Amino acid sequence: MIYSGSSPKAVFHTRHDVVVGPVRFGDLDPKLVARSYGSPLLGIKSPMTVGPTQFPRLVVSAKGARGAVSIVYGQVPSTTTTTVDLRAELDRIVVQAPLSCGLPENGFVQYGGGFVLAQKQCVTLTVSVLGGRVLARKTVPFDSVTCPRRSGP
């Protein structure tokens, strides 16, 4: 966690934010997907904000249309992203929501991190509760690809 607060008004918004239910991926501009120095992999940094929700923890997952995608928020030091094996990396993480951090239900918790992928592709981001119920899903382009419009649970 890098930042938290009790008012969602404190969260900075950009025109490239992607909102998936109670989760906001900040500045997820497809044009910012770039190759890491000395690596064949692509990556993008995007602060993730878990906003108002009644659930203490959420599962956030990323599934690529053409290959593996690793969702990296606090698990892997940034110096290792040039040697990561995408087949062995996490495509889902469990994140704490405001309630589990002692904040009111309408607060927010923000995490630093991003995504690593082998090729440009459409990626489906899904937010679920621990029991598996999907709260929201959205497909977004990572680099210059066109994705089918798909959102909702």
N, C-alpha and C. Protein backbone atom coordinates (compact mmCIF):
# COMPACT_ATOMS: atom_id res chain seq x y z
N MET A 1 0.85 -1.17 0.00
CA MET A 1 0.00 0.00 0.00
C MET A 1 0.90 1.24 0.00
N ILE A 2 0.55 2.22 -0.82
CA ILE A 2 1.34 3.44 -0.86
C ILE A 2 0.61 4.66 -0.33
N TYR A 3 -0.72 4.58 -0.25
CA TYR A 3 -1.49 5.76 0.12
C TYR A 3 -2.89 5.31 0.49
N SER A 4 -3.50 5.94 1.48
CA SER A 4 -4.89 5.62 1.81
C SER A 4 -5.55 6.87 2.38
N GLY A 5 -6.86 6.84 2.44
CA GLY A 5 -7.58 7.98 2.97
C GLY A 5 -9.03 7.67 3.20
N SER A 6 -9.71 8.56 3.86
CA SER A 6 -11.11 8.33 4.18
C SER A 6 -12.07 9.01 3.21
N SER A 7 -11.53 9.79 2.27
CA SER A 7 -12.39 10.47 1.29
C SER A 7 -11.94 10.16 -0.13
N PRO A 8 -12.82 9.60 -0.96
CA PRO A 8 -12.44 9.30 -2.34
C PRO A 8 -12.12 10.55 -3.15
N LYS A 9 -12.45 11.73 -2.65
CA LYS A 9 -12.13 12.97 -3.36
C LYS A 9 -10.63 13.22 -3.42
N ALA A 10 -9.86 12.53 -2.55
CA ALA A 10 -8.40 12.72 -2.52
C ALA A 10 -7.69 11.95 -3.63
N VAL A 11 -8.41 11.10 -4.36
CA VAL A 11 -7.80 10.31 -5.44
C VAL A 11 -7.71 11.16 -6.70
N PHE A 12 -6.50 11.26 -7.27
CA PHE A 12 -6.27 12.01 -8.49
C PHE A 12 -6.77 11.19 -9.69
N HIS A 13 -7.49 11.79 -10.59
CA HIS A 13 -8.05 11.11 -11.76
C HIS A 13 -7.37 11.61 -13.04
N THR A 14 -7.21 10.70 -14.02
CA THR A 14 -6.72 11.08 -15.34
C THR A 14 -7.72 10.58 -16.38
N ARG A 15 -7.59 11.05 -17.60
CA ARG A 15 -8.53 10.63 -18.64
C ARG A 15 -8.30 9.20 -19.08
N HIS A 16 -7.17 8.61 -18.68
CA HIS A 16 -6.88 7.23 -19.05
C HIS A 16 -7.12 6.25 -17.90
N ASP A 17 -7.79 6.69 -16.85
CA ASP A 17 -8.13 5.77 -15.77
C ASP A 17 -9.10 4.72 -16.28
N VAL A 18 -8.94 3.50 -15.79
CA VAL A 18 -9.86 2.42 -16.11
C VAL A 18 -10.50 1.99 -14.80
N VAL A 19 -11.83 2.10 -14.74
CA VAL A 19 -12.56 1.75 -13.53
C VAL A 19 -13.25 0.41 -13.74
N VAL A 20 -12.97 -0.52 -12.81
CA VAL A 20 -13.57 -1.85 -12.85
C VAL A 20 -14.21 -2.07 -11.49
N GLY A 21 -15.50 -1.79 -11.41
CA GLY A 21 -16.20 -1.88 -10.12
C GLY A 21 -15.57 -0.91 -9.13
N PRO A 22 -15.19 -1.39 -7.94
CA PRO A 22 -14.61 -0.51 -6.93
C PRO A 22 -13.10 -0.28 -7.10
N VAL A 23 -12.52 -0.77 -8.20
CA VAL A 23 -11.08 -0.64 -8.42
C VAL A 23 -10.81 0.30 -9.59
N ARG A 24 -9.87 1.23 -9.38
CA ARG A 24 -9.47 2.19 -10.42
C ARG A 24 -8.00 1.96 -10.74
N PHE A 25 -7.70 1.72 -12.03
CA PHE A 25 -6.32 1.62 -12.50
C PHE A 25 -5.96 2.97 -13.09
N GLY A 26 -5.08 3.69 -12.42
CA GLY A 26 -4.76 5.06 -12.80
C GLY A 26 -3.85 5.15 -14.01
N ASP A 27 -4.20 6.06 -14.91
CA ASP A 27 -3.40 6.39 -16.09
C ASP A 27 -2.99 5.15 -16.89
N LEU A 28 -3.94 4.27 -17.15
CA LEU A 28 -3.69 3.05 -17.91
C LEU A 28 -3.82 3.35 -19.41
N ASP A 29 -2.94 4.22 -19.87
CA ASP A 29 -2.92 4.66 -21.26
C ASP A 29 -2.26 3.57 -22.11
N PRO A 30 -2.97 2.99 -23.09
CA PRO A 30 -2.39 1.92 -23.91
C PRO A 30 -1.10 2.32 -24.60
N LYS A 31 -0.93 3.62 -24.87
CA LYS A 31 0.28 4.10 -25.55
C LYS A 31 1.51 4.06 -24.64
N LEU A 32 1.30 3.89 -23.32
CA LEU A 32 2.42 3.86 -22.38
C LEU A 32 2.98 2.46 -22.15
N VAL A 33 2.39 1.45 -22.77
CA VAL A 33 2.94 0.10 -22.68
C VAL A 33 4.28 0.12 -23.39
N ALA A 34 5.33 -0.31 -22.69
CA ALA A 34 6.68 -0.21 -23.25
C ALA A 34 7.51 -1.44 -22.92
N ARG A 35 8.51 -1.67 -23.74
CA ARG A 35 9.44 -2.76 -23.52
C ARG A 35 10.41 -2.36 -22.43
N SER A 36 10.63 -3.26 -21.46
CA SER A 36 11.60 -3.00 -20.40
C SER A 36 13.00 -3.11 -20.96
N TYR A 37 13.92 -2.29 -20.45
CA TYR A 37 15.29 -2.29 -20.93
C TYR A 37 15.91 -3.68 -20.74
N GLY A 38 16.45 -4.24 -21.80
CA GLY A 38 17.11 -5.53 -21.73
C GLY A 38 16.16 -6.71 -21.61
N SER A 39 14.91 -6.52 -21.93
CA SER A 39 13.92 -7.58 -21.79
C SER A 39 13.03 -7.66 -23.01
N PRO A 40 12.56 -8.85 -23.33
CA PRO A 40 11.59 -8.98 -24.43
C PRO A 40 10.16 -8.67 -23.97
N LEU A 41 9.98 -8.43 -22.67
CA LEU A 41 8.65 -8.24 -22.11
C LEU A 41 8.19 -6.79 -22.20
N LEU A 42 6.87 -6.61 -22.22
CA LEU A 42 6.24 -5.30 -22.20
C LEU A 42 5.72 -5.04 -20.79
N GLY A 43 5.60 -3.80 -20.42
CA GLY A 43 5.06 -3.47 -19.11
C GLY A 43 4.43 -2.11 -19.09
N ILE A 44 3.62 -1.89 -18.06
CA ILE A 44 3.02 -0.58 -17.83
C ILE A 44 2.81 -0.42 -16.33
N LYS A 45 3.18 0.76 -15.83
CA LYS A 45 2.94 1.09 -14.43
C LYS A 45 1.60 1.80 -14.33
N SER A 46 0.86 1.46 -13.28
CA SER A 46 -0.45 2.05 -13.09
C SER A 46 -0.84 1.93 -11.62
N PRO A 47 -0.97 3.05 -10.90
CA PRO A 47 -1.41 2.93 -9.51
C PRO A 47 -2.83 2.36 -9.46
N MET A 48 -3.05 1.42 -8.56
CA MET A 48 -4.37 0.79 -8.43
C MET A 48 -5.01 1.30 -7.14
N THR A 49 -6.22 1.82 -7.25
CA THR A 49 -6.94 2.33 -6.10
C THR A 49 -8.17 1.47 -5.85
N VAL A 50 -8.27 0.94 -4.64
CA VAL A 50 -9.46 0.19 -4.23
C VAL A 50 -10.32 1.19 -3.47
N GLY A 51 -11.48 1.47 -4.05
CA GLY A 51 -12.34 2.51 -3.50
C GLY A 51 -13.49 1.97 -2.69
N PRO A 52 -14.52 2.76 -2.57
CA PRO A 52 -15.64 2.38 -1.72
C PRO A 52 -16.20 1.00 -2.04
N THR A 53 -16.24 0.14 -1.03
CA THR A 53 -16.81 -1.19 -1.15
C THR A 53 -17.13 -1.72 0.23
N GLN A 54 -18.11 -2.57 0.32
CA GLN A 54 -18.48 -3.18 1.60
C GLN A 54 -17.62 -4.39 1.93
N PHE A 55 -16.78 -4.84 0.99
CA PHE A 55 -15.97 -6.04 1.17
C PHE A 55 -14.58 -5.67 1.71
N PRO A 56 -14.06 -6.43 2.69
CA PRO A 56 -12.74 -6.11 3.24
C PRO A 56 -11.57 -6.46 2.32
N ARG A 57 -11.73 -7.48 1.47
CA ARG A 57 -10.69 -7.88 0.53
C ARG A 57 -11.32 -8.23 -0.81
N LEU A 58 -10.55 -7.98 -1.88
CA LEU A 58 -11.02 -8.27 -3.23
C LEU A 58 -9.95 -9.05 -3.99
N VAL A 59 -10.38 -9.81 -4.99
CA VAL A 59 -9.47 -10.50 -5.89
C VAL A 59 -9.47 -9.72 -7.20
N VAL A 60 -8.29 -9.33 -7.66
CA VAL A 60 -8.14 -8.61 -8.92
C VAL A 60 -7.34 -9.51 -9.85
N SER A 61 -7.87 -9.76 -11.05
CA SER A 61 -7.17 -10.64 -11.99
C SER A 61 -7.05 -10.01 -13.36
N ALA A 62 -6.06 -10.50 -14.12
CA ALA A 62 -5.81 -10.01 -15.48
C ALA A 62 -5.62 -11.22 -16.38
N LYS A 63 -6.39 -11.28 -17.47
CA LYS A 63 -6.28 -12.40 -18.41
C LYS A 63 -6.09 -11.84 -19.81
N GLY A 64 -4.99 -12.22 -20.44
CA GLY A 64 -4.71 -11.76 -21.79
C GLY A 64 -5.45 -12.57 -22.84
N ALA A 65 -5.83 -11.93 -23.93
CA ALA A 65 -6.52 -12.62 -25.03
C ALA A 65 -5.57 -13.48 -25.84
N ARG A 66 -4.26 -13.14 -25.84
CA ARG A 66 -3.30 -13.86 -26.68
C ARG A 66 -2.12 -14.44 -25.91
N GLY A 67 -2.14 -14.34 -24.60
CA GLY A 67 -1.01 -14.86 -23.82
C GLY A 67 -1.07 -14.43 -22.38
N ALA A 68 -0.07 -14.84 -21.62
CA ALA A 68 -0.03 -14.58 -20.19
C ALA A 68 0.15 -13.09 -19.88
N VAL A 69 -0.44 -12.68 -18.76
CA VAL A 69 -0.29 -11.34 -18.23
C VAL A 69 -0.03 -11.49 -16.74
N SER A 70 0.97 -10.80 -16.24
CA SER A 70 1.26 -10.82 -14.81
C SER A 70 0.79 -9.51 -14.20
N ILE A 71 0.06 -9.62 -13.11
CA ILE A 71 -0.40 -8.43 -12.39
C ILE A 71 0.53 -8.27 -11.20
N VAL A 72 1.24 -7.15 -11.15
CA VAL A 72 2.32 -6.96 -10.18
C VAL A 72 2.02 -5.74 -9.31
N TYR A 73 1.48 -5.98 -8.15
CA TYR A 73 1.22 -4.91 -7.18
C TYR A 73 1.76 -5.34 -5.84
N GLY A 74 3.02 -5.01 -5.59
CA GLY A 74 3.63 -5.28 -4.30
C GLY A 74 4.27 -6.64 -4.13
N GLN A 75 4.14 -7.56 -5.10
CA GLN A 75 4.71 -8.89 -4.93
C GLN A 75 6.16 -8.99 -5.40
N VAL A 76 6.53 -8.29 -6.46
CA VAL A 76 7.83 -8.47 -7.08
C VAL A 76 8.56 -7.13 -7.14
N PRO A 77 9.82 -7.07 -6.67
CA PRO A 77 10.57 -5.82 -6.81
C PRO A 77 10.71 -5.44 -8.28
N SER A 78 10.68 -4.15 -8.57
CA SER A 78 10.70 -3.71 -9.96
C SER A 78 11.98 -4.12 -10.68
N THR A 79 13.06 -4.40 -9.97
CA THR A 79 14.31 -4.79 -10.62
C THR A 79 14.24 -6.19 -11.22
N THR A 80 13.23 -6.98 -10.85
CA THR A 80 13.16 -8.34 -11.38
C THR A 80 12.22 -8.47 -12.57
N THR A 81 11.55 -7.40 -12.97
CA THR A 81 10.57 -7.51 -14.05
C THR A 81 11.20 -7.78 -15.41
N THR A 82 12.51 -7.62 -15.54
CA THR A 82 13.14 -7.91 -16.83
C THR A 82 13.44 -9.40 -16.99
N THR A 83 13.35 -10.17 -15.91
CA THR A 83 13.66 -11.60 -15.99
C THR A 83 12.49 -12.48 -15.57
N VAL A 84 11.34 -11.90 -15.43
CA VAL A 84 10.18 -12.64 -14.93
C VAL A 84 9.72 -13.71 -15.93
N ASP A 85 9.32 -14.88 -15.43
CA ASP A 85 8.75 -15.95 -16.25
C ASP A 85 7.24 -15.80 -16.17
N LEU A 86 6.62 -15.30 -17.21
CA LEU A 86 5.19 -15.01 -17.17
C LEU A 86 4.34 -16.24 -16.88
N ARG A 87 4.78 -17.42 -17.30
CA ARG A 87 3.98 -18.62 -17.03
C ARG A 87 3.93 -18.95 -15.55
N ALA A 88 4.90 -18.47 -14.77
CA ALA A 88 4.95 -18.77 -13.34
C ALA A 88 4.46 -17.62 -12.47
N GLU A 89 4.15 -16.49 -13.08
CA GLU A 89 3.76 -15.31 -12.30
C GLU A 89 2.26 -15.27 -12.06
N LEU A 90 1.88 -14.47 -11.10
CA LEU A 90 0.49 -14.34 -10.71
C LEU A 90 -0.32 -13.58 -11.75
N ASP A 91 -1.50 -14.09 -12.05
CA ASP A 91 -2.43 -13.35 -12.91
C ASP A 91 -3.58 -12.83 -12.07
N ARG A 92 -3.47 -13.03 -10.74
CA ARG A 92 -4.49 -12.51 -9.82
C ARG A 92 -3.84 -12.22 -8.47
N ILE A 93 -4.39 -11.25 -7.78
CA ILE A 93 -3.90 -10.88 -6.46
C ILE A 93 -5.09 -10.60 -5.55
N VAL A 94 -4.86 -10.72 -4.25
CA VAL A 94 -5.86 -10.33 -3.26
C VAL A 94 -5.39 -9.00 -2.67
N VAL A 95 -6.28 -8.02 -2.67
CA VAL A 95 -5.94 -6.71 -2.14
C VAL A 95 -6.86 -6.35 -0.98
N GLN A 96 -6.31 -5.58 -0.05
CA GLN A 96 -7.11 -5.08 1.06
C GLN A 96 -7.93 -3.89 0.59
N ALA A 97 -9.17 -3.85 1.02
CA ALA A 97 -10.04 -2.73 0.74
C ALA A 97 -10.04 -1.80 1.97
N PRO A 98 -10.65 -0.63 1.88
CA PRO A 98 -10.62 0.32 2.98
C PRO A 98 -11.04 -0.26 4.34
N LEU A 99 -12.08 -1.09 4.37
CA LEU A 99 -12.57 -1.64 5.64
C LEU A 99 -11.51 -2.44 6.38
N SER A 100 -10.69 -3.20 5.67
CA SER A 100 -9.69 -4.02 6.33
C SER A 100 -8.48 -3.21 6.78
N CYS A 101 -8.44 -1.94 6.39
CA CYS A 101 -7.34 -1.05 6.81
C CYS A 101 -7.78 -0.08 7.89
N GLY A 102 -8.96 -0.31 8.46
CA GLY A 102 -9.46 0.57 9.51
C GLY A 102 -10.07 1.85 9.00
N LEU A 103 -10.35 1.92 7.71
CA LEU A 103 -10.95 3.11 7.11
C LEU A 103 -12.44 2.91 6.95
N PRO A 104 -13.19 3.99 6.77
CA PRO A 104 -14.62 3.83 6.51
C PRO A 104 -14.86 3.16 5.15
N GLU A 105 -16.02 2.59 4.99
CA GLU A 105 -16.39 1.89 3.75
C GLU A 105 -16.21 2.75 2.52
N ASN A 106 -16.38 4.08 2.65
CA ASN A 106 -16.24 4.97 1.49
C ASN A 106 -14.82 5.50 1.32
N GLY A 107 -13.84 4.96 2.04
CA GLY A 107 -12.45 5.38 1.90
C GLY A 107 -11.79 4.75 0.69
N PHE A 108 -10.45 4.81 0.65
CA PHE A 108 -9.72 4.20 -0.46
C PHE A 108 -8.35 3.74 0.02
N VAL A 109 -7.80 2.78 -0.69
CA VAL A 109 -6.45 2.28 -0.47
C VAL A 109 -5.79 2.23 -1.84
N GLN A 110 -4.56 2.73 -1.94
CA GLN A 110 -3.88 2.77 -3.23
C GLN A 110 -2.60 1.95 -3.18
N TYR A 111 -2.32 1.25 -4.28
CA TYR A 111 -1.15 0.39 -4.40
C TYR A 111 -0.32 0.81 -5.61
N GLY A 112 1.00 0.72 -5.51
CA GLY A 112 1.88 0.94 -6.65
C GLY A 112 2.11 -0.38 -7.36
N GLY A 113 2.31 -0.33 -8.67
CA GLY A 113 2.57 -1.55 -9.44
C GLY A 113 2.15 -1.40 -10.88
N GLY A 114 1.80 -2.51 -11.49
CA GLY A 114 1.40 -2.48 -12.88
C GLY A 114 1.27 -3.88 -13.46
N PHE A 115 1.52 -3.99 -14.75
CA PHE A 115 1.32 -5.24 -15.48
C PHE A 115 2.54 -5.55 -16.34
N VAL A 116 2.80 -6.85 -16.54
CA VAL A 116 3.87 -7.31 -17.42
C VAL A 116 3.23 -8.30 -18.39
N LEU A 117 3.58 -8.20 -19.68
CA LEU A 117 3.02 -9.10 -20.69
C LEU A 117 4.04 -9.33 -21.80
N ALA A 118 3.85 -10.43 -22.52
CA ALA A 118 4.81 -10.80 -23.56
C ALA A 118 4.53 -10.11 -24.88
N GLN A 119 3.29 -9.73 -25.11
CA GLN A 119 2.93 -9.13 -26.40
C GLN A 119 1.76 -8.18 -26.22
N LYS A 120 1.61 -7.25 -27.17
CA LYS A 120 0.46 -6.36 -27.10
C LYS A 120 -0.79 -7.20 -27.32
N GLN A 121 -1.82 -6.89 -26.55
CA GLN A 121 -3.04 -7.68 -26.60
C GLN A 121 -4.13 -7.02 -25.78
N CYS A 122 -5.33 -7.54 -25.90
CA CYS A 122 -6.43 -7.11 -25.05
C CYS A 122 -6.35 -7.89 -23.75
N VAL A 123 -6.60 -7.20 -22.65
CA VAL A 123 -6.53 -7.82 -21.33
C VAL A 123 -7.85 -7.59 -20.61
N THR A 124 -8.41 -8.66 -20.08
CA THR A 124 -9.65 -8.56 -19.31
C THR A 124 -9.30 -8.46 -17.83
N LEU A 125 -9.70 -7.35 -17.23
CA LEU A 125 -9.48 -7.11 -15.80
C LEU A 125 -10.78 -7.47 -15.08
N THR A 126 -10.66 -8.29 -14.04
CA THR A 126 -11.84 -8.75 -13.30
C THR A 126 -11.64 -8.48 -11.82
N VAL A 127 -12.69 -7.99 -11.17
CA VAL A 127 -12.69 -7.77 -9.73
C VAL A 127 -13.77 -8.67 -9.14
N SER A 128 -13.35 -9.50 -8.17
CA SER A 128 -14.25 -10.47 -7.53
C SER A 128 -14.12 -10.39 -6.02
N VAL A 129 -15.07 -11.00 -5.33
CA VAL A 129 -14.94 -11.19 -3.89
C VAL A 129 -14.23 -12.52 -3.67
N LEU A 130 -13.73 -12.76 -2.46
CA LEU A 130 -12.97 -13.98 -2.18
C LEU A 130 -13.75 -15.26 -2.48
N GLY A 131 -15.05 -15.25 -2.35
CA GLY A 131 -15.86 -16.43 -2.65
C GLY A 131 -16.00 -16.73 -4.13
N GLY A 132 -15.55 -15.82 -4.99
CA GLY A 132 -15.59 -16.05 -6.43
C GLY A 132 -16.61 -15.22 -7.19
N ARG A 133 -17.54 -14.57 -6.49
CA ARG A 133 -18.56 -13.78 -7.19
C ARG A 133 -17.90 -12.58 -7.88
N VAL A 134 -18.15 -12.43 -9.17
CA VAL A 134 -17.59 -11.34 -9.95
C VAL A 134 -18.39 -10.07 -9.69
N LEU A 135 -17.66 -8.99 -9.32
CA LEU A 135 -18.29 -7.69 -9.13
C LEU A 135 -18.29 -6.88 -10.42
N ALA A 136 -17.18 -6.95 -11.17
CA ALA A 136 -17.08 -6.18 -12.41
C ALA A 136 -15.97 -6.75 -13.27
N ARG A 137 -16.09 -6.51 -14.57
CA ARG A 137 -15.10 -6.99 -15.55
C ARG A 137 -15.04 -5.98 -16.69
N LYS A 138 -13.82 -5.74 -17.18
CA LYS A 138 -13.66 -4.83 -18.31
C LYS A 138 -12.46 -5.28 -19.14
N THR A 139 -12.60 -5.24 -20.47
CA THR A 139 -11.52 -5.58 -21.38
C THR A 139 -10.92 -4.29 -21.92
N VAL A 140 -9.58 -4.19 -21.83
CA VAL A 140 -8.88 -2.97 -22.23
C VAL A 140 -7.69 -3.32 -23.12
N PRO A 141 -7.30 -2.40 -24.01
CA PRO A 141 -6.13 -2.63 -24.86
C PRO A 141 -4.84 -2.34 -24.13
N PHE A 142 -3.87 -3.22 -24.30
CA PHE A 142 -2.51 -2.97 -23.83
C PHE A 142 -1.67 -2.82 -25.07
N ASP A 143 -1.40 -1.61 -25.46
CA ASP A 143 -0.69 -1.19 -26.66
C ASP A 143 -1.71 -0.96 -27.76
N SER A 144 -1.28 -0.91 -29.01
CA SER A 144 -2.13 -0.49 -30.12
C SER A 144 -2.93 -1.66 -30.70
N VAL A 145 -3.89 -2.13 -29.95
CA VAL A 145 -4.79 -3.19 -30.43
C VAL A 145 -6.22 -2.71 -30.22
N THR A 146 -7.14 -3.28 -30.97
CA THR A 146 -8.55 -2.96 -30.80
C THR A 146 -9.22 -4.12 -30.09
N CYS A 147 -9.94 -3.80 -29.02
CA CYS A 147 -10.57 -4.82 -28.22
C CYS A 147 -12.09 -4.78 -28.39
N PRO A 148 -12.73 -5.93 -28.28
CA PRO A 148 -14.19 -5.94 -28.30
C PRO A 148 -14.73 -5.23 -27.07
N ARG A 149 -15.82 -4.53 -27.20
CA ARG A 149 -16.44 -3.86 -26.05
C ARG A 149 -17.07 -4.92 -25.16
N ARG A 150 -16.58 -5.00 -23.93
CA ARG A 150 -17.12 -5.97 -23.00
C ARG A 150 -16.91 -5.43 -21.59
N SER A 151 -17.96 -5.32 -20.82
CA SER A 151 -17.84 -4.91 -19.44
C SER A 151 -19.02 -5.48 -18.67
N GLY A 152 -18.98 -5.26 -17.38
CA GLY A 152 -20.04 -5.77 -16.52
C GLY A 152 -19.60 -7.06 -15.86
N PRO A 153 -20.45 -7.61 -14.99
CA PRO A 153 -20.07 -8.85 -14.29
C PRO A 153 -20.10 -10.07 -15.17
